[in-house]
PDB file of N, CA and C in Angstrom:
ATOM      1  N   MET A   1     108.772 172.883  85.977  1.00  0.00           N
ATOM      2  CA  MET A   1     109.069 172.218  87.222  1.00  0.00           C
ATOM      3  C   MET A   1     110.492 171.663  87.304  1.00  0.00           C
ATOM      4  N   PRO A   2     111.066 171.160  86.235  1.00  0.00           N
ATOM      5  CA  PRO A   2     112.427 170.647  86.344  1.00  0.00           C
ATOM      6  C   PRO A   2     113.437 171.714  86.736  1.00  0.00           C
ATOM      7  N   MET A   3     113.085 172.981  86.560  1.00  0.00           N
ATOM      8  CA  MET A   3     114.021 174.036  86.925  1.00  0.00           C
ATOM      9  C   MET A   3     114.242 174.078  88.435  1.00  0.00           C
ATOM     10  N   ARG A   4     113.264 173.604  89.208  1.00  0.00           N
ATOM     11  CA  ARG A   4     113.382 173.620  90.662  1.00  0.00           C
ATOM     12  C   ARG A   4     113.966 172.326  91.207  1.00  0.00           C
ATOM     13  N   GLY A   5     114.356 171.385  90.319  1.00  0.00           N
ATOM     14  CA  GLY A   5     114.952 170.148  90.769  1.00  0.00           C
ATOM     15  C   GLY A   5     113.952 169.069  91.107  1.00  0.00           C
ATOM     16  N   GLU A   6     112.711 169.243  90.671  1.00  0.00           N
ATOM     17  CA  GLU A   6     111.700 168.242  90.968  1.00  0.00           C
ATOM     18  C   GLU A   6     111.761 167.101  89.953  1.00  0.00           C
ATOM     19  N   LEU A   7     111.317 165.927  90.353  1.00  0.00           N
ATOM     20  CA  LEU A   7     111.291 164.778  89.464  1.00  0.00           C
ATOM     21  C   LEU A   7     110.147 164.905  88.473  1.00  0.00           C
ATOM     22  N   PRO A   8     110.296 164.344  87.275  1.00  0.00           N
ATOM     23  CA  PRO A   8     109.189 164.382  86.319  1.00  0.00           C
ATOM     24  C   PRO A   8     108.008 163.571  86.842  1.00  0.00           C
ATOM     25  N   THR A   9     106.847 163.855  86.339  1.00  0.00           N
ATOM     26  CA  THR A   9     105.647 163.147  86.777  1.00  0.00           C
ATOM     27  C   THR A   9     105.682 161.697  86.318  1.00  0.00           C
ATOM     28  N   ILE A  10     104.794 160.885  86.867  1.00  0.00           N
ATOM     29  CA  ILE A  10     104.747 159.469  86.524  1.00  0.00           C
ATOM     30  C   ILE A  10     104.424 159.288  85.047  1.00  0.00           C
ATOM     31  N   ALA A  11     103.552 160.087  84.513  1.00  0.00           N
ATOM     32  CA  ALA A  11     103.185 159.983  83.095  1.00  0.00           C
ATOM     33  C   ALA A  11     104.394 160.257  82.212  1.00  0.00           C
ATOM     34  N   ALA A  12     105.222 161.202  82.585  1.00  0.00           N
ATOM     35  CA  ALA A  12     106.405 161.519  81.782  1.00  0.00           C
ATOM     36  C   ALA A  12     107.440 160.405  81.871  1.00  0.00           C
ATOM     37  N   ARG A  13     107.546 159.742  83.011  1.00  0.00           N
ATOM     38  CA  ARG A  13     108.527 158.664  83.163  1.00  0.00           C
ATOM     39  C   ARG A  13     108.118 157.395  82.427  1.00  0.00           C
ATOM     40  N   THR A  14     106.830 157.088  82.339  1.00  0.00           N
ATOM     41  CA  THR A  14     106.402 155.852  81.699  1.00  0.00           C
ATOM     42  C   THR A  14     106.572 155.907  80.192  1.00  0.00           C
ATOM     43  N   ARG A  15     106.571 157.066  79.588  1.00  0.00           N
ATOM     44  CA  ARG A  15     106.747 157.160  78.140  1.00  0.00           C
ATOM     45  C   ARG A  15     108.174 156.819  77.731  1.00  0.00           C
ATOM     46  N   MET A  16     109.150 157.005  78.584  1.00  0.00           N
ATOM     47  CA  MET A  16     110.544 156.773  78.223  1.00  0.00           C
ATOM     48  C   MET A  16     110.996 155.356  78.563  1.00  0.00           C
ATOM     49  N   ARG A  17     110.124 154.496  79.065  1.00  0.00           N
ATOM     50  CA  ARG A  17     110.488 153.142  79.463  1.00  0.00           C
ATOM     51  C   ARG A  17     110.778 152.294  78.220  1.00  0.00           C
ATOM     52  N   ALA A  18     111.840 151.495  78.268  1.00  0.00           N
ATOM     53  CA  ALA A  18     112.213 150.650  77.139  1.00  0.00           C
ATOM     54  C   ALA A  18     111.351 149.392  77.131  1.00  0.00           C
ATOM     55  N   SER A  19     111.266 148.761  75.977  1.00  0.00           N
ATOM     56  CA  SER A  19     110.464 147.547  75.846  1.00  0.00           C
ATOM     57  C   SER A  19     111.164 146.388  76.562  1.00  0.00           C
ATOM     58  N   PRO A  20     110.418 145.359  76.945  1.00  0.00           N
ATOM     59  CA  PRO A  20     111.033 144.206  77.615  1.00  0.00           C
ATOM     60  C   PRO A  20     112.061 143.493  76.738  1.00  0.00           C
ATOM     61  N   VAL A  21     111.827 143.476  75.432  1.00  0.00           N
ATOM     62  CA  VAL A  21     112.787 142.828  74.533  1.00  0.00           C
ATOM     63  C   VAL A  21     114.102 143.593  74.531  1.00  0.00           C
ATOM     64  N   ARG A  22     114.013 144.919  74.465  1.00  0.00           N
ATOM     65  CA  ARG A  22     115.234 145.727  74.472  1.00  0.00           C
ATOM     66  C   ARG A  22     115.970 145.590  75.803  1.00  0.00           C
ATOM     67  N   MET A  23     115.240 145.584  76.899  1.00  0.00           N
ATOM     68  CA  MET A  23     115.889 145.421  78.204  1.00  0.00           C
ATOM     69  C   MET A  23     116.540 144.049  78.316  1.00  0.00           C
ATOM     70  N   GLY A  24     115.869 143.020  77.803  1.00  0.00           N
ATOM     71  CA  GLY A  24     116.462 141.686  77.821  1.00  0.00           C
ATOM     72  C   GLY A  24     117.734 141.619  77.002  1.00  0.00           C
ATOM     73  N   TRP A  25     117.713 142.274  75.839  1.00  0.00           N
ATOM     74  CA  TRP A  25     118.902 142.284  74.990  1.00  0.00           C
ATOM     75  C   TRP A  25     120.050 143.020  75.675  1.00  0.00           C
ATOM     76  N   LEU A  26     119.751 144.142  76.307  1.00  0.00           N
ATOM     77  CA  LEU A  26     120.798 144.897  76.999  1.00  0.00           C
ATOM     78  C   LEU A  26     121.388 144.095  78.155  1.00  0.00           C
ATOM     79  N   ARG A  27     120.551 143.358  78.876  1.00  0.00           N
ATOM     80  CA  ARG A  27     121.058 142.513  79.963  1.00  0.00           C
ATOM     81  C   ARG A  27     121.920 141.383  79.419  1.00  0.00           C
ATOM     82  N   PHE A  28     121.495 140.776  78.303  1.00  0.00           N
ATOM     83  CA  PHE A  28     122.265 139.703  77.674  1.00  0.00           C
ATOM     84  C   PHE A  28     123.638 140.209  77.240  1.00  0.00           C
ATOM     85  N   VAL A  29     123.683 141.374  76.618  1.00  0.00           N
ATOM     86  CA  VAL A  29     124.956 141.958  76.181  1.00  0.00           C
ATOM     87  C   VAL A  29     125.837 142.255  77.383  1.00  0.00           C
ATOM     88  N   ALA A  30     125.252 142.732  78.467  1.00  0.00           N
ATOM     89  CA  ALA A  30     126.035 143.034  79.664  1.00  0.00           C
ATOM     90  C   ALA A  30     126.636 141.768  80.263  1.00  0.00           C
ATOM     91  N   VAL A  31     125.882 140.680  80.266  1.00  0.00           N
ATOM     92  CA  VAL A  31     126.385 139.424  80.830  1.00  0.00           C
ATOM     93  C   VAL A  31     127.469 138.833  79.940  1.00  0.00           C
ATOM     94  N   VAL A  32     127.246 138.829  78.626  1.00  0.00           N
ATOM     95  CA  VAL A  32     128.204 138.220  77.707  1.00  0.00           C
ATOM     96  C   VAL A  32     129.498 139.024  77.640  1.00  0.00           C
ATOM     97  N   SER A  33     129.433 140.319  77.829  1.00  0.00           N
ATOM     98  CA  SER A  33     130.639 141.139  77.754  1.00  0.00           C
ATOM     99  C   SER A  33     131.407 141.178  79.076  1.00  0.00           C
ATOM    100  N   ASP A  34     130.975 140.426  80.071  1.00  0.00           N
ATOM    101  CA  ASP A  34     131.661 140.381  81.362  1.00  0.00           C
ATOM    102  C   ASP A  34     132.994 139.648  81.206  1.00  0.00           C
ATOM    103  N   PRO A  35     134.125 140.268  81.572  1.00  0.00           N
ATOM    104  CA  PRO A  35     135.427 139.629  81.390  1.00  0.00           C
ATOM    105  C   PRO A  35     135.603 138.354  82.227  1.00  0.00           C
ATOM    106  N   GLU A  36     134.987 138.291  83.392  1.00  0.00           N
ATOM    107  CA  GLU A  36     135.112 137.088  84.215  1.00  0.00           C
ATOM    108  C   GLU A  36     134.430 135.897  83.546  1.00  0.00           C
ATOM    109  N   LEU A  37     133.254 136.114  82.972  1.00  0.00           N
ATOM    110  CA  LEU A  37     132.560 135.049  82.265  1.00  0.00           C
ATOM    111  C   LEU A  37     133.369 134.599  81.052  1.00  0.00           C
ATOM    112  N   GLN A  38     133.960 135.535  80.335  1.00  0.00           N
ATOM    113  CA  GLN A  38     134.773 135.184  79.175  1.00  0.00           C
ATOM    114  C   GLN A  38     135.979 134.352  79.588  1.00  0.00           C
ATOM    115  N   THR A  39     136.580 134.656  80.730  1.00  0.00           N
ATOM    116  CA  THR A  39     137.719 133.880  81.221  1.00  0.00           C
ATOM    117  C   THR A  39     137.288 132.470  81.587  1.00  0.00           C
ATOM    118  N   ILE A  40     136.167 132.339  82.268  1.00  0.00           N
ATOM    119  CA  ILE A  40     135.669 131.012  82.649  1.00  0.00           C
ATOM    120  C   ILE A  40     135.359 130.173  81.418  1.00  0.00           C
ATOM    121  N   VAL A  41     134.726 130.770  80.430  1.00  0.00           N
ATOM    122  CA  VAL A  41     134.398 130.044  79.199  1.00  0.00           C
ATOM    123  C   VAL A  41     135.666 129.637  78.464  1.00  0.00           C
ATOM    124  N   ALA A  42     136.652 130.519  78.398  1.00  0.00           N
ATOM    125  CA  ALA A  42     137.904 130.201  77.706  1.00  0.00           C
ATOM    126  C   ALA A  42     138.629 129.046  78.393  1.00  0.00           C
ATOM    127  N   LEU A  43     138.712 129.072  79.719  1.00  0.00           N
ATOM    128  CA  LEU A  43     139.396 127.991  80.434  1.00  0.00           C
ATOM    129  C   LEU A  43     138.635 126.675  80.319  1.00  0.00           C
ATOM    130  N   SER A  44     137.321 126.744  80.319  1.00  0.00           N
ATOM    131  CA  SER A  44     136.518 125.531  80.150  1.00  0.00           C
ATOM    132  C   SER A  44     136.722 124.931  78.765  1.00  0.00           C
ATOM    133  N   MET A  45     136.764 125.769  77.758  1.00  0.00           N
ATOM    134  CA  MET A  45     136.984 125.279  76.396  1.00  0.00           C
ATOM    135  C   MET A  45     138.375 124.668  76.240  1.00  0.00           C
ATOM    136  N   ILE A  46     139.382 125.259  76.887  1.00  0.00           N
ATOM    137  CA  ILE A  46     140.727 124.670  76.855  1.00  0.00           C
ATOM    138  C   ILE A  46     140.700 123.295  77.504  1.00  0.00           C
ATOM    139  N   GLY A  47     140.013 123.153  78.621  1.00  0.00           N
ATOM    140  CA  GLY A  47     139.910 121.858  79.289  1.00  0.00           C
ATOM    141  C   GLY A  47     139.213 120.824  78.431  1.00  0.00           C
ATOM    142  N   VAL A  48     138.150 121.220  77.763  1.00  0.00           N
ATOM    143  CA  VAL A  48     137.427 120.290  76.887  1.00  0.00           C
ATOM    144  C   VAL A  48     138.321 119.858  75.727  1.00  0.00           C
ATOM    145  N   LEU A  49     139.044 120.787  75.135  1.00  0.00           N
ATOM    146  CA  LEU A  49     139.927 120.440  74.023  1.00  0.00           C
ATOM    147  C   LEU A  49     141.065 119.528  74.462  1.00  0.00           C
ATOM    148  N   VAL A  50     141.618 119.757  75.642  1.00  0.00           N
ATOM    149  CA  VAL A  50     142.677 118.876  76.161  1.00  0.00           C
ATOM    150  C   VAL A  50     142.114 117.484  76.413  1.00  0.00           C
ATOM    151  N   MET A  51     140.904 117.391  76.957  1.00  0.00           N
ATOM    152  CA  MET A  51     140.290 116.096  77.212  1.00  0.00           C
ATOM    153  C   MET A  51     140.032 115.342  75.910  1.00  0.00           C
ATOM    154  N   ILE A  52     139.520 116.024  74.900  1.00  0.00           N
ATOM    155  CA  ILE A  52     139.275 115.366  73.615  1.00  0.00           C
ATOM    156  C   ILE A  52     140.586 114.917  72.988  1.00  0.00           C
ATOM    157  N   ASN A  53     141.619 115.734  73.082  1.00  0.00           N
ATOM    158  CA  ASN A  53     142.925 115.367  72.551  1.00  0.00           C
ATOM    159  C   ASN A  53     143.477 114.131  73.258  1.00  0.00           C
ATOM    160  N   ALA A  54     143.352 114.083  74.582  1.00  0.00           N
ATOM    161  CA  ALA A  54     143.833 112.917  75.331  1.00  0.00           C
ATOM    162  C   ALA A  54     143.033 111.669  74.973  1.00  0.00           C
ATOM    163  N   MET A  55     141.725 111.816  74.768  1.00  0.00           N
ATOM    164  CA  MET A  55     140.905 110.657  74.386  1.00  0.00           C
ATOM    165  C   MET A  55     141.308 110.126  73.017  1.00  0.00           C
ATOM    166  N   LEU A  56     141.663 111.011  72.113  1.00  0.00           N
ATOM    167  CA  LEU A  56     142.062 110.571  70.778  1.00  0.00           C
ATOM    168  C   LEU A  56     143.477 109.991  70.762  1.00  0.00           C
ATOM    169  N   LEU A  57     144.358 110.511  71.610  1.00  0.00           N
ATOM    170  CA  LEU A  57     145.731 109.998  71.654  1.00  0.00           C
ATOM    171  C   LEU A  57     145.830 108.663  72.388  1.00  0.00           C
ATOM    172  N   PHE A  58     145.032 108.466  73.422  1.00  0.00           N
ATOM    173  CA  PHE A  58     145.080 107.251  74.234  1.00  0.00           C
ATOM    174  C   PHE A  58     143.688 106.613  74.295  1.00  0.00           C
ATOM    175  N   PRO A  59     143.238 105.982  73.206  1.00  0.00           N
ATOM    176  CA  PRO A  59     141.876 105.444  73.189  1.00  0.00           C
ATOM    177  C   PRO A  59     141.673 104.256  74.121  1.00  0.00           C
ATOM    178  N   ASP A  60     142.722 103.516  74.457  1.00  0.00           N
ATOM    179  CA  ASP A  60     142.589 102.335  75.313  1.00  0.00           C
ATOM    180  C   ASP A  60     143.007 102.609  76.751  1.00  0.00           C
ATOM    181  N   PHE A  61     143.088 103.854  77.161  1.00  0.00           N
ATOM    182  CA  PHE A  61     143.548 104.168  78.511  1.00  0.00           C
ATOM    183  C   PHE A  61     142.603 103.616  79.571  1.00  0.00           C
ATOM    184  N   GLY A  62     141.314 103.641  79.324  1.00  0.00           N
ATOM    185  CA  GLY A  62     140.356 103.117  80.294  1.00  0.00           C
ATOM    186  C   GLY A  62     140.550 101.629  80.530  1.00  0.00           C
ATOM    187  N   GLN A  63     140.767 100.872  79.483  1.00  0.00           N
ATOM    188  CA  GLN A  63     140.981  99.433  79.620  1.00  0.00           C
ATOM    189  C   GLN A  63     142.297  99.151  80.347  1.00  0.00           C
ATOM    190  N   VAL A  64     143.341  99.903  80.040  1.00  0.00           N
ATOM    191  CA  VAL A  64     144.620  99.732  80.726  1.00  0.00           C
ATOM    192  C   VAL A  64     144.473 100.037  82.217  1.00  0.00           C
ATOM    193  N   TYR A  65     143.744 101.064  82.557  1.00  0.00           N
ATOM    194  CA  TYR A  65     143.532 101.428  83.955  1.00  0.00           C
ATOM    195  C   TYR A  65     142.772 100.337  84.691  1.00  0.00           C
ATOM    196  N   VAL A  66     141.765  99.764  84.051  1.00  0.00           N
ATOM    197  CA  VAL A  66     140.998  98.670  84.680  1.00  0.00           C
ATOM    198  C   VAL A  66     141.894  97.461  84.876  1.00  0.00           C
ATOM    199  N   ASP A  67     142.715  97.119  83.902  1.00  0.00           N
ATOM    200  CA  ASP A  67     143.618  95.977  84.028  1.00  0.00           C
ATOM    201  C   ASP A  67     144.630  96.184  85.142  1.00  0.00           C
ATOM    202  N   LEU A  68     145.134  97.401  85.294  1.00  0.00           N
ATOM    203  CA  LEU A  68     146.130  97.663  86.332  1.00  0.00           C
ATOM    204  C   LEU A  68     145.501  97.641  87.722  1.00  0.00           C
ATOM    205  N   SER A  69     144.279  98.082  87.866  1.00  0.00           N
ATOM    206  CA  SER A  69     143.660  98.133  89.186  1.00  0.00           C
ATOM    207  C   SER A  69     143.210  96.738  89.636  1.00  0.00           C
ATOM    208  N   LEU A  70     143.028  95.792  88.726  1.00  0.00           N
ATOM    209  CA  LEU A  70     142.636  94.439  89.105  1.00  0.00           C
ATOM    210  C   LEU A  70     143.816  93.592  89.533  1.00  0.00           C
ATOM    211  N   SER A  71     145.012  93.944  89.102  1.00  0.00           N
ATOM    212  CA  SER A  71     146.183  93.136  89.483  1.00  0.00           C
ATOM    213  C   SER A  71     146.562  93.393  90.940  1.00  0.00           C
ATOM    214  N   PRO A  72     147.089  92.364  91.627  1.00  0.00           N
ATOM    215  CA  PRO A  72     147.419  92.521  93.057  1.00  0.00           C
ATOM    216  C   PRO A  72     148.600  93.378  93.335  1.00  0.00           C
TER     217      PRO A  72
END
């Protein structure tokens, strides 16, 4: 039948179906390998590292800001 361009029967198609675990893994790999997601994660990590660096360099910045905003 495939010689005439017909589709395989339902029984033939169900035997080639991948397991749900394999399909989940393939979807996970597809999402993680997306360049846009990698860019977003990289920029977010840079922001987190800059914030931690600023917190360590200026530990009393919050108190200074509160003192400045209370003055007239």
